[in-house]
């Protein structure tokens, strides 16, 4: 029986192997481009820009650093990616893995 630590280590190795395949074949860049296009099309990018502006207005331009902005915005950005886009990305990764 695997320990949780062993499973985590194995999962990390699998992720690294998948990422290496995605990078080697150029598929990672294609997926990033597709993701960017879909996020722009659905308005996600504009919504996140507005959220960013709100954060800056609340904190004050002079009192906010890029690092703080990233910390504030990253969870919001991840949480608001539409489920259908996540599903499409996952499907494309699965199809890629099955074809390699």
C-alpha atoms as a PDB file:
ATOM      1  CA  UNK A   1       0.000   0.000   0.000  1.00  0.00           C
ATOM      2  CA  UNK A   2       1.391   3.374  -1.052  1.00  0.00           C
ATOM      3  CA  UNK A   3       1.727   6.124   1.487  1.00  0.00           C
ATOM      4  CA  UNK A   4       0.322   9.530   0.704  1.00  0.00           C
ATOM      5  CA  UNK A   5       3.882  10.833   0.325  1.00  0.00           C
ATOM      6  CA  UNK A   6       4.704   8.121  -2.230  1.00  0.00           C
ATOM      7  CA  UNK A   7       1.531   8.893  -4.199  1.00  0.00           C
ATOM      8  CA  UNK A   8       2.356  12.602  -4.176  1.00  0.00           C
ATOM      9  CA  UNK A   9       5.876  11.894  -5.404  1.00  0.00           C
ATOM     10  CA  UNK A  10       4.577   9.625  -8.183  1.00  0.00           C
ATOM     11  CA  UNK A  11       1.933  12.202  -9.183  1.00  0.00           C
ATOM     12  CA  UNK A  12       4.623  14.880  -9.363  1.00  0.00           C
ATOM     13  CA  UNK A  13       6.795  12.649 -11.572  1.00  0.00           C
ATOM     14  CA  UNK A  14       3.817  12.018 -13.877  1.00  0.00           C
ATOM     15  CA  UNK A  15       3.112  15.767 -14.079  1.00  0.00           C
ATOM     16  CA  UNK A  16       6.764  16.427 -14.937  1.00  0.00           C
ATOM     17  CA  UNK A  17       6.715  13.747 -17.659  1.00  0.00           C
ATOM     18  CA  UNK A  18       3.506  15.140 -19.169  1.00  0.00           C
ATOM     19  CA  UNK A  19       4.881  18.688 -19.075  1.00  0.00           C
ATOM     20  CA  UNK A  20       8.105  17.561 -20.758  1.00  0.00           C
ATOM     21  CA  UNK A  21       6.105  15.897 -23.565  1.00  0.00           C
ATOM     22  CA  UNK A  22       3.926  18.977 -23.973  1.00  0.00           C
ATOM     23  CA  UNK A  23       7.000  21.222 -24.220  1.00  0.00           C
ATOM     24  CA  UNK A  24       9.022  18.908 -26.515  1.00  0.00           C
ATOM     25  CA  UNK A  25       6.224  18.621 -29.057  1.00  0.00           C
ATOM     26  CA  UNK A  26       5.220  22.284 -28.995  1.00  0.00           C
ATOM     27  CA  UNK A  27       1.762  21.296 -27.746  1.00  0.00           C
ATOM     28  CA  UNK A  28       2.147  23.428 -24.600  1.00  0.00           C
ATOM     29  CA  UNK A  29       2.445  26.582 -26.707  1.00  0.00           C
ATOM     30  CA  UNK A  30      -0.606  25.561 -28.769  1.00  0.00           C
ATOM     31  CA  UNK A  31      -2.622  24.953 -25.612  1.00  0.00           C
ATOM     32  CA  UNK A  32      -1.536  28.295 -24.122  1.00  0.00           C
ATOM     33  CA  UNK A  33      -2.576  30.082 -27.320  1.00  0.00           C
ATOM     34  CA  UNK A  34      -5.955  28.310 -27.363  1.00  0.00           C
ATOM     35  CA  UNK A  35      -6.488  29.159 -23.696  1.00  0.00           C
ATOM     36  CA  UNK A  36      -5.587  32.810 -24.243  1.00  0.00           C
ATOM     37  CA  UNK A  37      -7.946  33.082 -27.225  1.00  0.00           C
ATOM     38  CA  UNK A  38     -10.839  31.415 -25.397  1.00  0.00           C
ATOM     39  CA  UNK A  39     -10.372  33.589 -22.291  1.00  0.00           C
ATOM     40  CA  UNK A  40     -10.392  36.732 -24.416  1.00  0.00           C
ATOM     41  CA  UNK A  41     -13.472  35.566 -26.376  1.00  0.00           C
ATOM     42  CA  UNK A  42     -15.531  34.867 -23.254  1.00  0.00           C
ATOM     43  CA  UNK A  43     -14.670  38.209 -21.641  1.00  0.00           C
ATOM     44  CA  UNK A  44     -12.636  36.701 -18.796  1.00  0.00           C
ATOM     45  CA  UNK A  45      -9.610  38.850 -19.572  1.00  0.00           C
ATOM     46  CA  UNK A  46     -11.617  42.092 -19.520  1.00  0.00           C
ATOM     47  CA  UNK A  47     -13.325  41.076 -16.263  1.00  0.00           C
ATOM     48  CA  UNK A  48      -9.956  40.343 -14.656  1.00  0.00           C
ATOM     49  CA  UNK A  49      -8.598  43.690 -15.882  1.00  0.00           C
ATOM     50  CA  UNK A  50     -11.516  45.449 -14.191  1.00  0.00           C
ATOM     51  CA  UNK A  51     -10.919  43.460 -11.004  1.00  0.00           C
ATOM     52  CA  UNK A  52      -7.262  44.506 -11.144  1.00  0.00           C
ATOM     53  CA  UNK A  53      -8.232  48.165 -11.553  1.00  0.00           C
ATOM     54  CA  UNK A  54     -10.584  47.882  -8.563  1.00  0.00           C
ATOM     55  CA  UNK A  55      -7.825  46.420  -6.404  1.00  0.00           C
ATOM     56  CA  UNK A  56      -5.482  49.248  -7.422  1.00  0.00           C
ATOM     57  CA  UNK A  57      -8.178  51.871  -6.720  1.00  0.00           C
ATOM     58  CA  UNK A  58      -8.876  50.411  -3.272  1.00  0.00           C
ATOM     59  CA  UNK A  59      -5.228  50.133  -2.245  1.00  0.00           C
ATOM     60  CA  UNK A  60      -3.935  53.197  -4.046  1.00  0.00           C
ATOM     61  CA  UNK A  61      -1.569  53.134  -7.008  1.00  0.00           C
ATOM     62  CA  UNK A  62       1.399  54.279  -4.946  1.00  0.00           C
ATOM     63  CA  UNK A  63       0.797  51.696  -2.228  1.00  0.00           C
ATOM     64  CA  UNK A  64       0.438  48.527  -4.303  1.00  0.00           C
ATOM     65  CA  UNK A  65       3.313  46.452  -5.633  1.00  0.00           C
ATOM     66  CA  UNK A  66       3.194  44.102  -8.594  1.00  0.00           C
ATOM     67  CA  UNK A  67       3.798  41.194  -6.217  1.00  0.00           C
ATOM     68  CA  UNK A  68       0.810  42.172  -4.040  1.00  0.00           C
ATOM     69  CA  UNK A  69      -1.324  42.553  -7.141  1.00  0.00           C
ATOM     70  CA  UNK A  70      -0.383  39.064  -8.332  1.00  0.00           C
ATOM     71  CA  UNK A  71      -1.204  37.612  -4.891  1.00  0.00           C
ATOM     72  CA  UNK A  72      -4.625  39.349  -4.915  1.00  0.00           C
ATOM     73  CA  UNK A  73      -5.534  38.610  -8.510  1.00  0.00           C
ATOM     74  CA  UNK A  74      -4.306  35.027  -9.012  1.00  0.00           C
ATOM     75  CA  UNK A  75      -7.023  33.335  -6.895  1.00  0.00           C
ATOM     76  CA  UNK A  76      -9.719  35.477  -8.547  1.00  0.00           C
ATOM     77  CA  UNK A  77      -8.382  34.669 -12.005  1.00  0.00           C
ATOM     78  CA  UNK A  78      -8.262  30.929 -11.359  1.00  0.00           C
ATOM     79  CA  UNK A  79     -11.688  30.867  -9.728  1.00  0.00           C
ATOM     80  CA  UNK A  80     -13.379  32.657 -12.615  1.00  0.00           C
ATOM     81  CA  UNK A  81     -12.097  30.603 -15.572  1.00  0.00           C
ATOM     82  CA  UNK A  82     -15.300  29.155 -17.079  1.00  0.00           C
ATOM     83  CA  UNK A  83     -15.772  25.425 -16.484  1.00  0.00           C
ATOM     84  CA  UNK A  84     -16.285  24.767 -20.206  1.00  0.00           C
ATOM     85  CA  UNK A  85     -12.859  26.231 -20.975  1.00  0.00           C
ATOM     86  CA  UNK A  86     -11.235  24.111 -18.249  1.00  0.00           C
ATOM     87  CA  UNK A  87     -13.003  21.044 -19.681  1.00  0.00           C
ATOM     88  CA  UNK A  88     -11.882  21.880 -23.229  1.00  0.00           C
ATOM     89  CA  UNK A  89      -8.269  22.253 -22.100  1.00  0.00           C
ATOM     90  CA  UNK A  90      -8.390  18.981 -20.174  1.00  0.00           C
ATOM     91  CA  UNK A  91      -9.913  17.202 -23.167  1.00  0.00           C
ATOM     92  CA  UNK A  92      -7.170  18.473 -25.464  1.00  0.00           C
ATOM     93  CA  UNK A  93      -4.500  17.305 -23.017  1.00  0.00           C
ATOM     94  CA  UNK A  94      -6.130  13.855 -22.797  1.00  0.00           C
ATOM     95  CA  UNK A  95      -6.333  13.567 -26.600  1.00  0.00           C
ATOM     96  CA  UNK A  96      -2.673  14.612 -26.840  1.00  0.00           C
ATOM     97  CA  UNK A  97      -1.601  12.036 -24.261  1.00  0.00           C
ATOM     98  CA  UNK A  98      -3.563   9.267 -26.002  1.00  0.00           C
ATOM     99  CA  UNK A  99      -1.907  10.103 -29.310  1.00  0.00           C
ATOM    100  CA  UNK A 100       1.660  10.006 -27.974  1.00  0.00           C
END
